[in-house]
C-alpha atoms as a PDB file:
ATOM      1  CA  MET A   1     123.112 105.578 119.352  1.00  0.00           C
ATOM      2  CA  ALA A   2     121.787 106.296 115.849  1.00  0.00           C
ATOM      3  CA  ASN A   3     124.171 103.915 114.091  1.00  0.00           C
ATOM      4  CA  PRO A   4     124.890 101.041 116.483  1.00  0.00           C
ATOM      5  CA  THR A   5     128.385  99.602 116.480  1.00  0.00           C
ATOM      6  CA  PHE A   6     130.127  96.662 118.105  1.00  0.00           C
ATOM      7  CA  GLY A   7     133.625  96.195 119.470  1.00  0.00           C
ATOM      8  CA  LEU A   8     136.030  93.726 117.866  1.00  0.00           C
ATOM      9  CA  ASP A   9     139.320  92.896 119.566  1.00  0.00           C
ATOM     10  CA  ILE A  10     141.622  91.297 116.976  1.00  0.00           C
ATOM     11  CA  GLY A  11     144.105  89.553 119.235  1.00  0.00           C
ATOM     12  CA  THR A  12     147.159  87.454 118.471  1.00  0.00           C
ATOM     13  CA  THR A  13     145.387  84.227 119.461  1.00  0.00           C
ATOM     14  CA  THR A  14     141.688  85.105 119.728  1.00  0.00           C
ATOM     15  CA  LEU A  15     138.975  87.284 118.245  1.00  0.00           C
ATOM     16  CA  LYS A  16     136.621  88.748 120.832  1.00  0.00           C
ATOM     17  CA  SER A  17     133.488  90.767 120.128  1.00  0.00           C
ATOM     18  CA  VAL A  18     130.878  92.575 122.209  1.00  0.00           C
ATOM     19  CA  TRP A  19     127.693  94.268 121.002  1.00  0.00           C
ATOM     20  CA  PHE A  20     125.617  96.552 123.231  1.00  0.00           C
ATOM     21  CA  GLU A  21     122.207  98.134 123.089  1.00  0.00           C
ATOM     22  CA  GLN A  22     121.215 101.138 125.184  1.00  0.00           C
ATOM     23  CA  LYS A  23     117.654 101.536 126.406  1.00  0.00           C
ATOM     24  CA  LYS A  24     117.143 104.694 128.439  1.00  0.00           C
ATOM     25  CA  GLU A  25     119.995 104.576 130.976  1.00  0.00           C
ATOM     26  CA  THR A  26     120.721 100.844 130.755  1.00  0.00           C
ATOM     27  CA  VAL A  27     123.459  99.400 128.547  1.00  0.00           C
ATOM     28  CA  THR A  28     122.536  95.798 127.744  1.00  0.00           C
ATOM     29  CA  VAL A  29     124.803  93.160 126.258  1.00  0.00           C
ATOM     30  CA  LYS A  30     123.217  91.900 123.043  1.00  0.00           C
ATOM     31  CA  ALA A  31     126.037  89.579 121.958  1.00  0.00           C
ATOM     32  CA  VAL A  32     129.429  88.436 123.181  1.00  0.00           C
ATOM     33  CA  TYR A  33     131.669  85.867 121.528  1.00  0.00           C
ATOM     34  CA  SER A  34     135.211  84.534 121.325  1.00  0.00           C
ATOM     35  CA  SER A  35     136.910  82.444 118.643  1.00  0.00           C
ATOM     36  CA  LYS A  36     140.410  81.479 117.585  1.00  0.00           C
ATOM     37  CA  THR A  37     142.517  83.749 115.400  1.00  0.00           C
ATOM     38  CA  PRO A  38     144.217  82.041 112.419  1.00  0.00           C
ATOM     39  CA  VAL A  39     147.848  81.170 113.148  1.00  0.00           C
ATOM     40  CA  SER A  40     149.126  83.813 110.719  1.00  0.00           C
ATOM     41  CA  GLY A  41     146.941  86.443 112.371  1.00  0.00           C
ATOM     42  CA  MET A  42     147.532  89.997 111.222  1.00  0.00           C
ATOM     43  CA  THR A  43     151.311  89.604 111.077  1.00  0.00           C
ATOM     44  CA  SER A  44     151.472  88.018 107.631  1.00  0.00           C
ATOM     45  CA  SER A  45     151.812  90.072 104.452  1.00  0.00           C
ATOM     46  CA  SER A  46     150.374  87.273 102.296  1.00  0.00           C
ATOM     47  CA  PRO A  47     147.109  88.088 100.454  1.00  0.00           C
ATOM     48  CA  LEU A  48     145.964  84.508 101.122  1.00  0.00           C
ATOM     49  CA  ASP A  49     146.467  84.971 104.864  1.00  0.00           C
ATOM     50  CA  ALA A  50     144.560  88.257 104.698  1.00  0.00           C
ATOM     51  CA  GLU A  51     141.657  86.425 103.049  1.00  0.00           C
ATOM     52  CA  GLN A  52     141.799  83.726 105.738  1.00  0.00           C
ATOM     53  CA  MET A  53     141.754  86.374 108.443  1.00  0.00           C
ATOM     54  CA  ALA A  54     138.805  88.133 106.816  1.00  0.00           C
ATOM     55  CA  LYS A  55     136.923  84.832 106.593  1.00  0.00           C
ATOM     56  CA  SER A  56     137.577  84.152 110.289  1.00  0.00           C
ATOM     57  CA  ILE A  57     136.206  87.583 111.206  1.00  0.00           C
ATOM     58  CA  ARG A  58     133.192  87.111 108.937  1.00  0.00           C
ATOM     59  CA  ASP A  59     132.430  83.676 110.435  1.00  0.00           C
ATOM     60  CA  HIS A  60     132.949  85.044 113.939  1.00  0.00           C
ATOM     61  CA  VAL A  61     130.395  87.835 113.425  1.00  0.00           C
ATOM     62  CA  VAL A  62     127.837  85.370 112.042  1.00  0.00           C
ATOM     63  CA  GLU A  63     128.345  82.928 114.920  1.00  0.00           C
ATOM     64  CA  ALA A  64     128.130  85.777 117.437  1.00  0.00           C
ATOM     65  CA  LYS A  65     124.757  86.828 115.945  1.00  0.00           C
ATOM     66  CA  ILE A  66     125.801  90.479 115.798  1.00  0.00           C
ATOM     67  CA  GLY A  67     123.150  92.607 114.126  1.00  0.00           C
ATOM     68  CA  THR A  68     125.272  95.500 112.874  1.00  0.00           C
ATOM     69  CA  ARG A  69     128.145  95.763 110.427  1.00  0.00           C
ATOM     70  CA  ASN A  70     129.582  98.927 111.969  1.00  0.00           C
ATOM     71  CA  VAL A  71     132.627  98.071 114.042  1.00  0.00           C
ATOM     72  CA  GLN A  72     135.092  99.730 116.410  1.00  0.00           C
ATOM     73  CA  ILE A  73     138.536  98.090 116.320  1.00  0.00           C
ATOM     74  CA  SER A  74     141.863  98.610 118.043  1.00  0.00           C
ATOM     75  CA  LEU A  75     145.556  98.378 117.319  1.00  0.00           C
ATOM     76  CA  ALA A  76     147.922  96.693 119.748  1.00  0.00           C
ATOM     77  CA  ASP A  77     149.812  99.366 121.659  1.00  0.00           C
ATOM     78  CA  ASN A  78     153.175  98.078 120.408  1.00  0.00           C
ATOM     79  CA  LEU A  79     152.083  99.011 116.855  1.00  0.00           C
ATOM     80  CA  VAL A  80     151.341 102.592 117.877  1.00  0.00           C
ATOM     81  CA  TYR A  81     153.371 105.555 119.086  1.00  0.00           C
ATOM     82  CA  THR A  82     151.700 107.248 122.063  1.00  0.00           C
ATOM     83  CA  LYS A  83     152.861 110.086 124.266  1.00  0.00           C
ATOM     84  CA  VAL A  84     151.170 112.408 126.726  1.00  0.00           C
ATOM     85  CA  VAL A  85     152.465 115.929 126.102  1.00  0.00           C
ATOM     86  CA  GLU A  86     151.865 119.105 128.061  1.00  0.00           C
ATOM     87  CA  MET A  87     151.696 122.467 126.321  1.00  0.00           C
ATOM     88  CA  PRO A  88     150.243 125.963 126.745  1.00  0.00           C
ATOM     89  CA  MET A  89     146.513 126.378 126.177  1.00  0.00           C
ATOM     90  CA  LEU A  90     146.038 126.454 122.400  1.00  0.00           C
ATOM     91  CA  SER A  91     143.204 126.898 119.933  1.00  0.00           C
ATOM     92  CA  ASP A  92     142.242 123.902 117.786  1.00  0.00           C
ATOM     93  CA  LYS A  93     144.153 125.349 114.815  1.00  0.00           C
ATOM     94  CA  GLU A  94     147.258 126.043 116.900  1.00  0.00           C
ATOM     95  CA  LEU A  95     147.049 122.564 118.392  1.00  0.00           C
ATOM     96  CA  GLU A  96     147.155 120.916 114.961  1.00  0.00           C
ATOM     97  CA  SER A  97     150.510 122.577 114.219  1.00  0.00           C
ATOM     98  CA  ALA A  98     151.882 121.942 117.697  1.00  0.00           C
ATOM     99  CA  ILE A  99     150.992 118.246 117.553  1.00  0.00           C
ATOM    100  CA  TYR A 100     152.831 117.865 114.255  1.00  0.00           C
ATOM    101  CA  TRP A 101     155.930 119.460 115.790  1.00  0.00           C
ATOM    102  CA  GLU A 102     155.695 117.199 118.868  1.00  0.00           C
ATOM    103  CA  ALA A 103     155.330 114.168 116.589  1.00  0.00           C
ATOM    104  CA  GLU A 104     158.499 115.136 114.727  1.00  0.00           C
ATOM    105  CA  GLN A 105     160.391 115.107 118.030  1.00  0.00           C
ATOM    106  CA  TYR A 106     158.971 111.836 119.296  1.00  0.00           C
ATOM    107  CA  ILE A 107     158.136 109.473 116.436  1.00  0.00           C
ATOM    108  CA  PRO A 108     161.247 107.772 114.947  1.00  0.00           C
ATOM    109  CA  ALA A 109     159.772 107.452 111.464  1.00  0.00           C
ATOM    110  CA  PRO A 110     159.022 109.835 108.580  1.00  0.00           C
ATOM    111  CA  LEU A 111     155.699 111.511 109.346  1.00  0.00           C
ATOM    112  CA  SER A 112     154.747 110.994 105.698  1.00  0.00           C
ATOM    113  CA  THR A 113     154.319 107.299 106.632  1.00  0.00           C
ATOM    114  CA  ILE A 114     152.362 107.975 109.834  1.00  0.00           C
ATOM    115  CA  MET A 115     148.714 108.777 110.532  1.00  0.00           C
ATOM    116  CA  LEU A 116     148.482 111.198 113.457  1.00  0.00           C
ATOM    117  CA  ASP A 117     145.667 111.770 115.903  1.00  0.00           C
ATOM    118  CA  HIS A 118     145.344 113.406 119.282  1.00  0.00           C
ATOM    119  CA  VAL A 119     142.997 113.554 122.245  1.00  0.00           C
ATOM    120  CA  VAL A 120     142.838 116.530 124.613  1.00  0.00           C
ATOM    121  CA  LEU A 121     142.997 114.985 128.077  1.00  0.00           C
ATOM    122  CA  ARG A 122     142.894 117.999 130.388  1.00  0.00           C
ATOM    123  CA  LYS A 123     142.592 121.763 129.980  1.00  0.00           C
ATOM    124  CA  ASN A 124     143.388 124.764 132.151  1.00  0.00           C
ATOM    125  CA  ILE A 125     146.013 123.041 134.279  1.00  0.00           C
ATOM    126  CA  GLN A 126     147.391 125.786 136.485  1.00  0.00           C
ATOM    127  CA  SER A 127     151.157 126.283 136.450  1.00  0.00           C
ATOM    128  CA  SER A 128     153.697 129.023 137.178  1.00  0.00           C
ATOM    129  CA  SER A 129     153.891 129.755 133.429  1.00  0.00           C
ATOM    130  CA  GLY A 130     150.126 130.075 133.012  1.00  0.00           C
ATOM    131  CA  PRO A 131     147.301 127.655 132.140  1.00  0.00           C
ATOM    132  CA  ARG A 132     148.362 124.545 130.254  1.00  0.00           C
ATOM    133  CA  MET A 133     146.757 121.525 128.625  1.00  0.00           C
ATOM    134  CA  GLN A 134     147.561 117.817 128.404  1.00  0.00           C
ATOM    135  CA  VAL A 135     147.199 116.063 125.057  1.00  0.00           C
ATOM    136  CA  LEU A 136     147.567 112.405 124.122  1.00  0.00           C
ATOM    137  CA  LEU A 137     149.524 112.165 120.865  1.00  0.00           C
ATOM    138  CA  VAL A 138     148.866 108.995 118.866  1.00  0.00           C
ATOM    139  CA  GLY A 139     150.640 107.964 115.678  1.00  0.00           C
ATOM    140  CA  ALA A 140     150.403 104.721 113.735  1.00  0.00           C
ATOM    141  CA  PRO A 141     151.984 103.576 110.466  1.00  0.00           C
ATOM    142  CA  THR A 142     149.584 104.326 107.622  1.00  0.00           C
ATOM    143  CA  ALA A 143     150.314 100.902 106.108  1.00  0.00           C
ATOM    144  CA  THR A 144     149.260  99.164 109.343  1.00  0.00           C
ATOM    145  CA  ILE A 145     146.003 101.088 109.591  1.00  0.00           C
ATOM    146  CA  GLN A 146     145.194 100.445 105.932  1.00  0.00           C
ATOM    147  CA  LYS A 147     145.926  96.732 106.381  1.00  0.00           C
ATOM    148  CA  TYR A 148     143.531  96.406 109.334  1.00  0.00           C
ATOM    149  CA  GLN A 149     140.857  98.407 107.537  1.00  0.00           C
ATOM    150  CA  LYS A 150     141.198  96.308 104.392  1.00  0.00           C
ATOM    151  CA  VAL A 151     140.959  92.955 106.195  1.00  0.00           C
ATOM    152  CA  VAL A 152     137.965  94.061 108.270  1.00  0.00           C
ATOM    153  CA  GLU A 153     136.219  95.477 105.195  1.00  0.00           C
ATOM    154  CA  MET A 154     136.934  92.218 103.324  1.00  0.00           C
ATOM    155  CA  ALA A 155     134.918  90.586 106.118  1.00  0.00           C
ATOM    156  CA  GLY A 156     131.940  92.740 105.122  1.00  0.00           C
ATOM    157  CA  LEU A 157     132.241  95.229 107.971  1.00  0.00           C
ATOM    158  CA  SER A 158     132.537  99.004 108.080  1.00  0.00           C
ATOM    159  CA  VAL A 159     135.253 100.424 110.340  1.00  0.00           C
ATOM    160  CA  VAL A 160     133.877 103.345 112.352  1.00  0.00           C
ATOM    161  CA  SER A 161     137.019 104.050 114.353  1.00  0.00           C
ATOM    162  CA  ILE A 162     140.413 102.657 115.322  1.00  0.00           C
ATOM    163  CA  GLU A 163     142.055 103.344 118.666  1.00  0.00           C
ATOM    164  CA  THR A 164     144.735 101.855 120.901  1.00  0.00           C
ATOM    165  CA  GLU A 165     143.990  98.851 123.081  1.00  0.00           C
ATOM    166  CA  MET A 166     144.844 100.815 126.216  1.00  0.00           C
ATOM    167  CA  LEU A 167     142.341 103.583 125.440  1.00  0.00           C
ATOM    168  CA  ALA A 168     139.643 100.927 125.077  1.00  0.00           C
ATOM    169  CA  ALA A 169     140.787  99.089 128.212  1.00  0.00           C
ATOM    170  CA  VAL A 170     140.660 102.233 130.352  1.00  0.00           C
ATOM    171  CA  ARG A 171     137.154 103.025 129.085  1.00  0.00           C
ATOM    172  CA  ALA A 172     136.008  99.556 130.159  1.00  0.00           C
ATOM    173  CA  ILE A 173     137.788  99.515 133.514  1.00  0.00           C
ATOM    174  CA  VAL A 174     137.099 103.014 134.835  1.00  0.00           C
ATOM    175  CA  SER A 175     133.395 102.796 135.547  1.00  0.00           C
ATOM    176  CA  SER A 176     132.887 106.106 137.401  1.00  0.00           C
ATOM    177  CA  SER A 177     134.462 109.487 138.148  1.00  0.00           C
ATOM    178  CA  THR A 178     135.311 108.251 141.651  1.00  0.00           C
ATOM    179  CA  PHE A 179     137.446 105.352 140.366  1.00  0.00           C
ATOM    180  CA  PRO A 180     140.821 105.401 142.184  1.00  0.00           C
ATOM    181  CA  ILE A 181     143.971 106.611 140.437  1.00  0.00           C
ATOM    182  CA  SER A 182     145.291 103.339 139.065  1.00  0.00           C
ATOM    183  CA  LEU A 183     148.251 101.654 137.443  1.00  0.00           C
ATOM    184  CA  ILE A 184     146.570  99.608 134.712  1.00  0.00           C
ATOM    185  CA  VAL A 185     148.433  96.630 133.276  1.00  0.00           C
ATOM    186  CA  ASN A 186     146.848  95.074 130.192  1.00  0.00           C
ATOM    187  CA  ILE A 187     148.679  91.775 129.612  1.00  0.00           C
ATOM    188  CA  GLY A 188     148.483  90.619 126.007  1.00  0.00           C
ATOM    189  CA  SER A 189     149.832  87.519 124.326  1.00  0.00           C
ATOM    190  CA  LEU A 190     153.117  89.001 123.097  1.00  0.00           C
ATOM    191  CA  ASN A 191     153.221  92.470 124.646  1.00  0.00           C
ATOM    192  CA  SER A 192     151.745  94.239 127.639  1.00  0.00           C
ATOM    193  CA  SER A 193     150.644  97.836 128.061  1.00  0.00           C
ATOM    194  CA  ILE A 194     151.130  99.827 131.243  1.00  0.00           C
ATOM    195  CA  ALA A 195     149.266 103.063 131.941  1.00  0.00           C
ATOM    196  CA  ILE A 196     148.407 105.343 134.816  1.00  0.00           C
ATOM    197  CA  ALA A 197     144.869 106.698 134.688  1.00  0.00           C
ATOM    198  CA  GLN A 198     143.214 109.475 136.682  1.00  0.00           C
ATOM    199  CA  GLN A 199     139.404 109.383 136.468  1.00  0.00           C
ATOM    200  CA  GLY A 200     139.578 107.639 133.120  1.00  0.00           C
ATOM    201  CA  ILE A 201     142.255 109.960 131.729  1.00  0.00           C
ATOM    202  CA  ILE A 202     145.557 108.374 130.717  1.00  0.00           C
ATOM    203  CA  VAL A 203     148.458 110.472 131.997  1.00  0.00           C
ATOM    204  CA  PHE A 204     151.206 108.016 131.108  1.00  0.00           C
ATOM    205  CA  ALA A 205     151.381 104.896 128.933  1.00  0.00           C
ATOM    206  CA  TYR A 206     153.936 102.614 127.342  1.00  0.00           C
ATOM    207  CA  THR A 207     154.414  99.040 126.113  1.00  0.00           C
ATOM    208  CA  VAL A 208     156.741  96.261 127.229  1.00  0.00           C
ATOM    209  CA  PRO A 209     157.652  93.170 125.138  1.00  0.00           C
ATOM    210  CA  ILE A 210     156.468  90.588 127.676  1.00  0.00           C
ATOM    211  CA  GLY A 211     153.119  88.823 127.776  1.00  0.00           C
ATOM    212  CA  SER A 212     151.201  85.648 128.495  1.00  0.00           C
ATOM    213  CA  MET A 213     153.072  83.659 125.835  1.00  0.00           C
ATOM    214  CA  SER A 214     156.346  84.390 127.652  1.00  0.00           C
ATOM    215  CA  ILE A 215     154.864  82.798 130.766  1.00  0.00           C
ATOM    216  CA  THR A 216     153.510  79.786 128.871  1.00  0.00           C
ATOM    217  CA  ARG A 217     156.828  79.171 127.106  1.00  0.00           C
ATOM    218  CA  ALA A 218     158.775  79.368 130.364  1.00  0.00           C
ATOM    219  CA  ILE A 219     156.497  76.758 131.952  1.00  0.00           C
ATOM    220  CA  ALA A 220     156.682  74.531 128.862  1.00  0.00           C
ATOM    221  CA  SER A 221     160.474  74.699 128.877  1.00  0.00           C
ATOM    222  CA  ASP A 222     160.863  74.050 132.598  1.00  0.00           C
ATOM    223  CA  PHE A 223     158.326  71.203 132.784  1.00  0.00           C
ATOM    224  CA  GLY A 224     158.987  69.672 129.360  1.00  0.00           C
ATOM    225  CA  PHE A 225     155.379  70.366 128.337  1.00  0.00           C
ATOM    226  CA  THR A 226     153.791  71.286 125.042  1.00  0.00           C
ATOM    227  CA  GLN A 227     152.493  74.859 124.798  1.00  0.00           C
ATOM    228  CA  GLU A 228     148.943  73.557 125.276  1.00  0.00           C
ATOM    229  CA  GLN A 229     149.853  71.568 128.397  1.00  0.00           C
ATOM    230  CA  ALA A 230     151.735  74.518 129.854  1.00  0.00           C
ATOM    231  CA  ASP A 231     148.769  76.806 129.246  1.00  0.00           C
ATOM    232  CA  GLU A 232     146.423  74.405 131.048  1.00  0.00           C
ATOM    233  CA  TYR A 233     148.814  74.082 133.998  1.00  0.00           C
ATOM    234  CA  LYS A 234     149.188  77.840 134.177  1.00  0.00           C
ATOM    235  CA  LYS A 235     145.436  78.382 134.326  1.00  0.00           C
ATOM    236  CA  ALA A 236     144.754  75.515 136.741  1.00  0.00           C
ATOM    237  CA  TYR A 237     147.491  76.077 139.324  1.00  0.00           C
ATOM    238  CA  GLY A 238     148.925  79.535 138.804  1.00  0.00           C
ATOM    239  CA  ILE A 239     151.454  80.460 141.469  1.00  0.00           C
ATOM    240  CA  ALA A 240     149.099  80.023 144.423  1.00  0.00           C
ATOM    241  CA  ASP A 241     149.088  76.214 144.623  1.00  0.00           C
ATOM    242  CA  PRO A 242     151.382  75.129 147.510  1.00  0.00           C
ATOM    243  CA  ASN A 243     152.873  72.298 145.451  1.00  0.00           C
ATOM    244  CA  VAL A 244     152.711  72.770 141.680  1.00  0.00           C
ATOM    245  CA  GLY A 245     152.321  76.538 142.032  1.00  0.00           C
ATOM    246  CA  VAL A 246     155.706  76.825 143.726  1.00  0.00           C
ATOM    247  CA  LYS A 247     157.364  75.106 140.757  1.00  0.00           C
ATOM    248  CA  ILE A 248     155.476  77.275 138.268  1.00  0.00           C
ATOM    249  CA  LYS A 249     156.502  80.418 140.136  1.00  0.00           C
ATOM    250  CA  ARG A 250     160.136  79.328 140.008  1.00  0.00           C
ATOM    251  CA  ALA A 251     159.847  78.829 136.233  1.00  0.00           C
ATOM    252  CA  ILE A 252     158.279  82.219 135.566  1.00  0.00           C
ATOM    253  CA  ASP A 253     160.000  84.241 138.291  1.00  0.00           C
ATOM    254  CA  PRO A 254     162.209  86.208 135.832  1.00  0.00           C
ATOM    255  CA  ILE A 255     159.106  87.236 133.871  1.00  0.00           C
ATOM    256  CA  LEU A 256     157.209  88.285 136.990  1.00  0.00           C
ATOM    257  CA  ALA A 257     160.298  90.203 138.126  1.00  0.00           C
ATOM    258  CA  SER A 258     160.288  92.067 134.787  1.00  0.00           C
ATOM    259  CA  PHE A 259     156.656  93.073 135.341  1.00  0.00           C
ATOM    260  CA  VAL A 260     157.474  94.296 138.858  1.00  0.00           C
ATOM    261  CA  SER A 261     160.422  96.323 137.547  1.00  0.00           C
ATOM    262  CA  GLU A 262     158.302  97.968 134.840  1.00  0.00           C
ATOM    263  CA  MET A 263     155.493  98.761 137.292  1.00  0.00           C
ATOM    264  CA  LYS A 264     157.920 100.377 139.722  1.00  0.00           C
ATOM    265  CA  LYS A 265     159.455 102.428 136.896  1.00  0.00           C
ATOM    266  CA  ALA A 266     155.993 103.674 135.889  1.00  0.00           C
ATOM    267  CA  LEU A 267     155.136 104.594 139.479  1.00  0.00           C
ATOM    268  CA  ALA A 268     158.477 106.373 139.977  1.00  0.00           C
ATOM    269  CA  TYR A 269     157.937 108.379 136.781  1.00  0.00           C
ATOM    270  CA  TYR A 270     154.443 109.385 137.923  1.00  0.00           C
ATOM    271  CA  VAL A 271     155.698 110.563 141.317  1.00  0.00           C
ATOM    272  CA  GLN A 272     158.501 112.573 139.698  1.00  0.00           C
ATOM    273  CA  ARG A 273     156.426 113.986 136.828  1.00  0.00           C
ATOM    274  CA  TYR A 274     153.204 114.750 138.696  1.00  0.00           C
ATOM    275  CA  LYS A 275     154.450 116.205 141.964  1.00  0.00           C
ATOM    276  CA  GLY A 276     151.555 117.335 144.131  1.00  0.00           C
ATOM    277  CA  GLU A 277     149.017 115.071 142.409  1.00  0.00           C
ATOM    278  CA  LEU A 278     147.124 112.416 144.347  1.00  0.00           C
ATOM    279  CA  PRO A 279     149.039 109.113 144.522  1.00  0.00           C
ATOM    280  CA  VAL A 280     148.356 105.908 142.627  1.00  0.00           C
ATOM    281  CA  THR A 281     146.457 103.680 145.050  1.00  0.00           C
ATOM    282  CA  GLN A 282     145.948 100.427 143.170  1.00  0.00           C
ATOM    283  CA  ILE A 283     147.066  98.157 140.357  1.00  0.00           C
ATOM    284  CA  VAL A 284     144.404  96.850 137.967  1.00  0.00           C
ATOM    285  CA  LEU A 285     145.272  93.722 135.986  1.00  0.00           C
ATOM    286  CA  SER A 286     143.603  93.083 132.637  1.00  0.00           C
ATOM    287  CA  GLY A 287     143.953  90.341 130.025  1.00  0.00           C
ATOM    288  CA  GLY A 288     143.826  86.582 130.486  1.00  0.00           C
ATOM    289  CA  THR A 289     146.895  86.421 132.742  1.00  0.00           C
ATOM    290  CA  ALA A 290     145.092  88.672 135.236  1.00  0.00           C
ATOM    291  CA  LYS A 291     143.256  85.503 136.325  1.00  0.00           C
ATOM    292  CA  LEU A 292     146.473  83.568 137.016  1.00  0.00           C
ATOM    293  CA  PRO A 293     145.863  82.206 140.534  1.00  0.00           C
ATOM    294  CA  GLY A 294     148.035  84.069 143.019  1.00  0.00           C
ATOM    295  CA  VAL A 295     149.356  86.750 140.673  1.00  0.00           C
ATOM    296  CA  ASP A 296     147.402  89.548 142.379  1.00  0.00           C
ATOM    297  CA  ALA A 297     148.866  88.657 145.786  1.00  0.00           C
ATOM    298  CA  PHE A 298     152.327  88.480 144.200  1.00  0.00           C
ATOM    299  CA  PHE A 299     152.102  92.068 142.964  1.00  0.00           C
ATOM    300  CA  VAL A 300     150.703  93.262 146.306  1.00  0.00           C
ATOM    301  CA  ASN A 301     153.759  91.804 148.039  1.00  0.00           C
ATOM    302  CA  ASN A 302     156.327  92.945 145.465  1.00  0.00           C
ATOM    303  CA  VAL A 303     155.018  96.334 144.314  1.00  0.00           C
ATOM    304  CA  GLY A 304     153.296  97.330 147.535  1.00  0.00           C
ATOM    305  CA  LEU A 305     149.919  98.379 146.150  1.00  0.00           C
ATOM    306  CA  GLU A 306     146.486  96.833 146.395  1.00  0.00           C
ATOM    307  CA  THR A 307     146.022  94.732 143.252  1.00  0.00           C
ATOM    308  CA  VAL A 308     142.657  93.904 141.711  1.00  0.00           C
ATOM    309  CA  VAL A 309     141.532  92.004 138.638  1.00  0.00           C
ATOM    310  CA  ALA A 310     139.634  94.129 136.121  1.00  0.00           C
ATOM    311  CA  ASN A 311     135.875  93.642 136.016  1.00  0.00           C
ATOM    312  CA  PRO A 312     134.774  95.296 132.766  1.00  0.00           C
ATOM    313  CA  TRP A 313     131.245  93.871 133.112  1.00  0.00           C
ATOM    314  CA  LYS A 314     130.666  96.040 136.172  1.00  0.00           C
ATOM    315  CA  SER A 315     127.668  98.383 135.823  1.00  0.00           C
ATOM    316  CA  LEU A 316     126.553  96.626 132.614  1.00  0.00           C
ATOM    317  CA  HIS A 317     123.318  94.676 132.240  1.00  0.00           C
ATOM    318  CA  ILE A 318     124.665  91.156 131.590  1.00  0.00           C
ATOM    319  CA  GLU A 319     121.569  89.005 131.955  1.00  0.00           C
ATOM    320  CA  GLY A 320     121.812  86.180 129.404  1.00  0.00           C
ATOM    321  CA  VAL A 321     125.594  86.427 128.982  1.00  0.00           C
ATOM    322  CA  PRO A 322     127.098  82.913 129.286  1.00  0.00           C
ATOM    323  CA  GLN A 323     128.862  82.463 132.626  1.00  0.00           C
ATOM    324  CA  VAL A 324     132.098  81.474 130.881  1.00  0.00           C
ATOM    325  CA  TYR A 325     132.299  84.937 129.296  1.00  0.00           C
ATOM    326  CA  ILE A 326     131.502  86.645 132.596  1.00  0.00           C
ATOM    327  CA  ASP A 327     134.288  84.656 134.259  1.00  0.00           C
ATOM    328  CA  ASP A 328     136.603  85.606 131.387  1.00  0.00           C
ATOM    329  CA  GLY A 329     135.843  89.303 131.911  1.00  0.00           C
ATOM    330  CA  PRO A 330     139.505  90.433 132.049  1.00  0.00           C
ATOM    331  CA  GLU A 331     140.062  88.894 128.599  1.00  0.00           C
ATOM    332  CA  PHE A 332     137.153  90.922 127.184  1.00  0.00           C
ATOM    333  CA  THR A 333     138.329  94.274 128.555  1.00  0.00           C
ATOM    334  CA  VAL A 334     139.422  95.689 125.186  1.00  0.00           C
ATOM    335  CA  ALA A 335     136.367  94.400 123.287  1.00  0.00           C
ATOM    336  CA  ILE A 336     134.037  95.821 125.948  1.00  0.00           C
ATOM    337  CA  GLY A 337     135.854  99.161 125.897  1.00  0.00           C
ATOM    338  CA  LEU A 338     135.547  99.347 122.116  1.00  0.00           C
ATOM    339  CA  ALA A 339     131.851  98.467 122.259  1.00  0.00           C
ATOM    340  CA  LEU A 340     131.247 101.131 124.925  1.00  0.00           C
ATOM    341  CA  LYS A 341     132.517 103.935 122.709  1.00  0.00           C
ATOM    342  CA  GLY A 342     129.597 106.300 122.269  1.00  0.00           C
ATOM    343  CA  TYR A 343     127.573 104.888 125.148  1.00  0.00           C
ATOM    344  CA  GLU A 344     127.088 106.258 128.643  1.00  0.00           C
ATOM    345  CA  ARG A 345     127.155 103.989 131.694  1.00  0.00           C
END
């Protein structure tokens, strides 16, 4: 890569960064780091909070010992409008017009306030009406994009690209063309993204307003804990422990049931929409909650599909990476996916 970049995941509670170097056919991790996000995060409109956020990013990059200022960043999927649309085979010029028309139908905001982009997913799909193509339509509020760019540039960095968290997550998770058709669930702090991917191509994606904080708050409320205590209990016992785990599961059962419902809806849509396609064969969990002890077995039993925890470090040269970051692999899925943009594994 002529102009090396690194991936920066600006999360609600943490900043995570990954920097790669490619030598011949080997992608080597040069730096990986995690630090706390200021309480205000990116949600505040205060200039002082923006400066604090920029300082946190700047300090993070220094502490991570990242040797480039070119960065790939992402927007949380709940901040972005995404839709997979199918249309007749079109030229690039025709596609530009068609995408604008599709956006008018789908995005519930004036397009003058939205920045549009699209990715051609598949071409020459055979159908009774002739060859068709699948396109991922992406739209984000211009003000949101400008805000992220401004804060990151205030930190002394140059934004090379911005994409959705799910696009980055799929890039990190799907390590080969033989990767099974998967239901990918990226569990964030406040929201979670659900997508179905075929060979690294997203054919369906949406966001649900439930995340790891919902689980932590439910435990805190049921046990009378602080948020910090609840988080520690969650990580230590999960829902697998025969004693404490049973009580935790009872506290978070409505949240887990919501996840199951959303997963089943996604699978039902896929079966109905993509008749004749190969079936989804597994669930892949990403994000910190993916490591919740017992949660994979819970989804196996309640959704009926093999469930695995994402391993975004797979097929990467990770010698020298601290073990704690290797163990926290699911939490680094988005950062790794951003850092991989432009590299071949």
